[in-house]
Amino acid sequence: MDKIIVYVDDAAYARQQLTPMLGTGQRTRWELVACPAHLTRHASRWISQSGLKKWREQWSAQLLAEVTPMLREPGHEVVGHVAKGPLAAMTQRLCAGDRSIRVLDARRPRFGQDLEPVVAGQAVAPSSRWALPGSVATLGAVLVLASE
């Protein structure tokens, strides 16, 4: 049985990434790991730890409910998890020493944010720190035109 660990944070993007991998005819065990978004320091200040944990579980259950039906085929097994701690450590726990397991990072890339590596030793592609948001660039152009 083939085992694939998939990290997801957006259902539509994950479905787009997983569609080419379906229909191989091989028995597969899918380990779906939901990666809830981190709340900012200011937002998490007003939420209790139990409320934050409940929100993470509800968000993850909703995400996994959207992705799981497309993976359910005869002979396939789907198991869902919620990411806790560093993702590389979670990959180590799920692999349990088996080197034949494949890992797929199906998290949607976000502008200006570096995604946490899912495998130890994975290179992190740095985002451009000099990139300006469109509204700031537009405001600058308007100011230059207004001064002339």
Protein backbone atom coordinates (compact mmCIF):
# COMPACT_ATOMS: atom_id res chain seq x y z
CA MET A 1 0.00 0.00 0.00
CA ASP A 2 1.32 3.42 -0.99
CA LYS A 3 1.27 6.08 1.74
CA ILE A 4 1.12 9.82 0.97
CA ILE A 5 1.20 12.63 3.55
CA VAL A 6 -0.54 15.77 2.29
CA TYR A 7 -0.39 19.16 4.04
CA VAL A 8 -3.40 21.36 3.21
CA ASP A 9 -4.66 24.79 4.23
CA ASP A 10 -7.06 25.63 1.39
CA ALA A 11 -9.58 23.13 -0.02
CA ALA A 12 -9.78 24.51 -3.59
CA TYR A 13 -6.00 24.69 -3.99
CA ALA A 14 -5.57 21.21 -2.48
CA ARG A 15 -8.15 19.70 -4.86
CA GLN A 16 -6.29 21.30 -7.78
CA GLN A 17 -2.99 19.80 -6.59
CA LEU A 18 -4.40 16.34 -5.81
CA THR A 19 -6.48 15.79 -8.97
CA PRO A 20 -3.51 14.60 -11.12
CA MET A 21 -2.59 12.02 -8.48
CA LEU A 22 -5.97 10.26 -8.55
CA GLY A 23 -6.95 7.29 -10.68
CA THR A 24 -3.63 5.43 -10.56
CA GLY A 25 -5.37 2.19 -9.60
CA GLN A 26 -2.95 1.61 -6.74
CA ARG A 27 -4.14 1.21 -3.13
CA THR A 28 -3.23 4.38 -1.25
CA ARG A 29 -3.35 5.55 2.34
CA TRP A 30 -3.83 9.34 2.39
CA GLU A 31 -2.66 11.11 5.56
CA LEU A 32 -4.27 14.57 5.33
CA VAL A 33 -2.80 17.17 7.69
CA ALA A 34 -4.86 20.35 8.08
CA CYS A 35 -2.71 23.42 8.76
CA PRO A 36 -4.91 26.10 10.37
CA ALA A 37 -3.83 29.71 10.00
CA HIS A 38 -2.01 31.26 12.93
CA LEU A 39 -3.84 34.07 14.66
CA THR A 40 -1.97 37.28 15.20
CA ARG A 41 -0.62 38.08 18.63
CA HIS A 42 -3.30 40.72 19.11
CA ALA A 43 -6.21 38.50 18.07
CA SER A 44 -5.09 35.53 20.13
CA ARG A 45 -4.84 37.76 23.18
CA TRP A 46 -8.65 37.88 23.48
CA ILE A 47 -9.31 34.19 22.90
CA SER A 48 -8.84 31.55 25.58
CA GLN A 49 -6.66 28.52 24.88
CA SER A 50 -9.69 26.22 24.91
CA GLY A 51 -11.53 28.52 22.48
CA LEU A 52 -8.50 28.62 20.19
CA LYS A 53 -8.19 24.82 20.30
CA LYS A 54 -11.91 24.43 19.52
CA TRP A 55 -11.64 26.86 16.59
CA ARG A 56 -8.61 24.99 15.17
CA GLU A 57 -10.47 21.66 15.40
CA GLN A 58 -13.65 23.03 13.78
CA TRP A 59 -11.70 24.74 11.00
CA SER A 60 -9.69 21.57 10.34
CA ALA A 61 -12.80 19.36 10.35
CA GLN A 62 -14.48 21.63 7.79
CA LEU A 63 -11.39 21.67 5.55
CA LEU A 64 -10.94 17.89 5.72
CA ALA A 65 -14.65 17.37 4.99
CA GLU A 66 -14.20 19.34 1.75
CA VAL A 67 -11.06 17.50 0.60
CA THR A 68 -11.75 13.93 1.76
CA PRO A 69 -14.62 12.98 -0.63
CA MET A 70 -12.44 13.27 -3.72
CA LEU A 71 -9.89 10.83 -2.25
CA ARG A 72 -12.43 8.16 -1.25
CA GLU A 73 -12.11 5.41 -3.84
CA PRO A 74 -12.31 1.64 -3.42
CA GLY A 75 -9.12 0.42 -1.78
CA HIS A 76 -8.11 3.85 -0.55
CA GLU A 77 -7.90 4.91 3.07
CA VAL A 78 -8.09 8.54 4.25
CA VAL A 79 -6.93 9.66 7.70
CA GLY A 80 -7.13 13.27 8.89
CA HIS A 81 -4.85 15.09 11.33
CA VAL A 82 -4.51 18.61 12.71
CA ALA A 83 -1.02 20.14 12.54
CA LYS A 84 0.48 20.76 15.95
CA GLY A 85 4.01 22.08 16.36
CA PRO A 86 6.64 22.19 13.63
CA LEU A 87 5.56 20.47 10.41
CA ALA A 88 8.93 18.75 9.92
CA ALA A 89 8.52 17.06 13.32
CA MET A 90 4.98 16.02 12.39
CA THR A 91 6.29 14.49 9.17
CA GLN A 92 8.84 12.52 11.20
CA ARG A 93 6.09 11.18 13.49
CA LEU A 94 3.83 10.20 10.57
CA CYS A 95 6.66 8.53 8.64
CA ALA A 96 7.85 6.52 11.67
CA GLY A 97 11.12 5.67 9.93
CA ASP A 98 9.58 4.48 6.65
CA ARG A 99 11.51 6.13 3.78
CA SER A 100 9.07 5.06 1.04
CA ILE A 101 6.40 7.53 2.17
CA ARG A 102 5.77 10.47 -0.14
CA VAL A 103 5.10 13.96 1.23
CA LEU A 104 3.09 16.53 -0.71
CA ASP A 105 2.89 20.16 0.33
CA ALA A 106 -0.50 21.30 -1.03
CA ARG A 107 -0.65 24.50 1.02
CA ARG A 108 -1.57 27.61 -0.94
CA PRO A 109 1.36 30.01 -1.23
CA ARG A 110 0.64 33.48 0.14
CA PHE A 111 2.22 36.73 -0.97
CA GLY A 112 4.88 37.94 1.44
CA GLN A 113 4.84 34.84 3.65
CA ASP A 114 7.38 32.04 3.75
CA LEU A 115 5.81 28.60 4.16
CA GLU A 116 7.22 26.46 6.94
CA PRO A 117 9.20 23.47 5.58
CA VAL A 118 7.43 20.11 5.89
CA VAL A 119 10.55 17.93 5.63
CA ALA A 120 13.80 18.37 7.54
CA GLY A 121 16.41 19.95 5.27
CA GLN A 122 13.86 21.38 2.83
CA ALA A 123 15.00 24.67 1.32
CA VAL A 124 12.73 27.62 2.03
CA ALA A 125 12.23 29.92 -0.95
CA PRO A 126 12.58 33.43 0.48
CA SER A 127 9.86 35.87 -0.42
CA SER A 128 10.81 39.27 -1.73
CA ARG A 129 11.00 41.58 1.27
CA TRP A 130 11.22 44.59 -1.04
CA ALA A 131 7.89 43.94 -2.72
CA LEU A 132 5.43 46.78 -2.17
CA PRO A 133 1.71 46.24 -1.87
CA GLY A 134 -0.21 47.61 -4.85
CA SER A 135 -2.00 50.28 -2.84
CA VAL A 136 1.31 51.77 -1.59
CA ALA A 137 2.78 51.84 -5.11
CA THR A 138 -0.40 53.44 -6.47
CA LEU A 139 -0.44 56.06 -3.73
CA GLY A 140 3.19 56.93 -4.53
CA ALA A 141 2.40 57.30 -8.23
CA VAL A 142 -0.58 59.55 -7.45
CA LEU A 143 1.59 61.75 -5.21
CA VAL A 144 4.24 62.09 -7.92
CA LEU A 145 1.61 63.03 -10.51
CA ALA A 146 -0.06 65.48 -8.14
CA SER A 147 3.21 67.26 -7.39
CA GLU A 148 3.84 68.01 -11.08
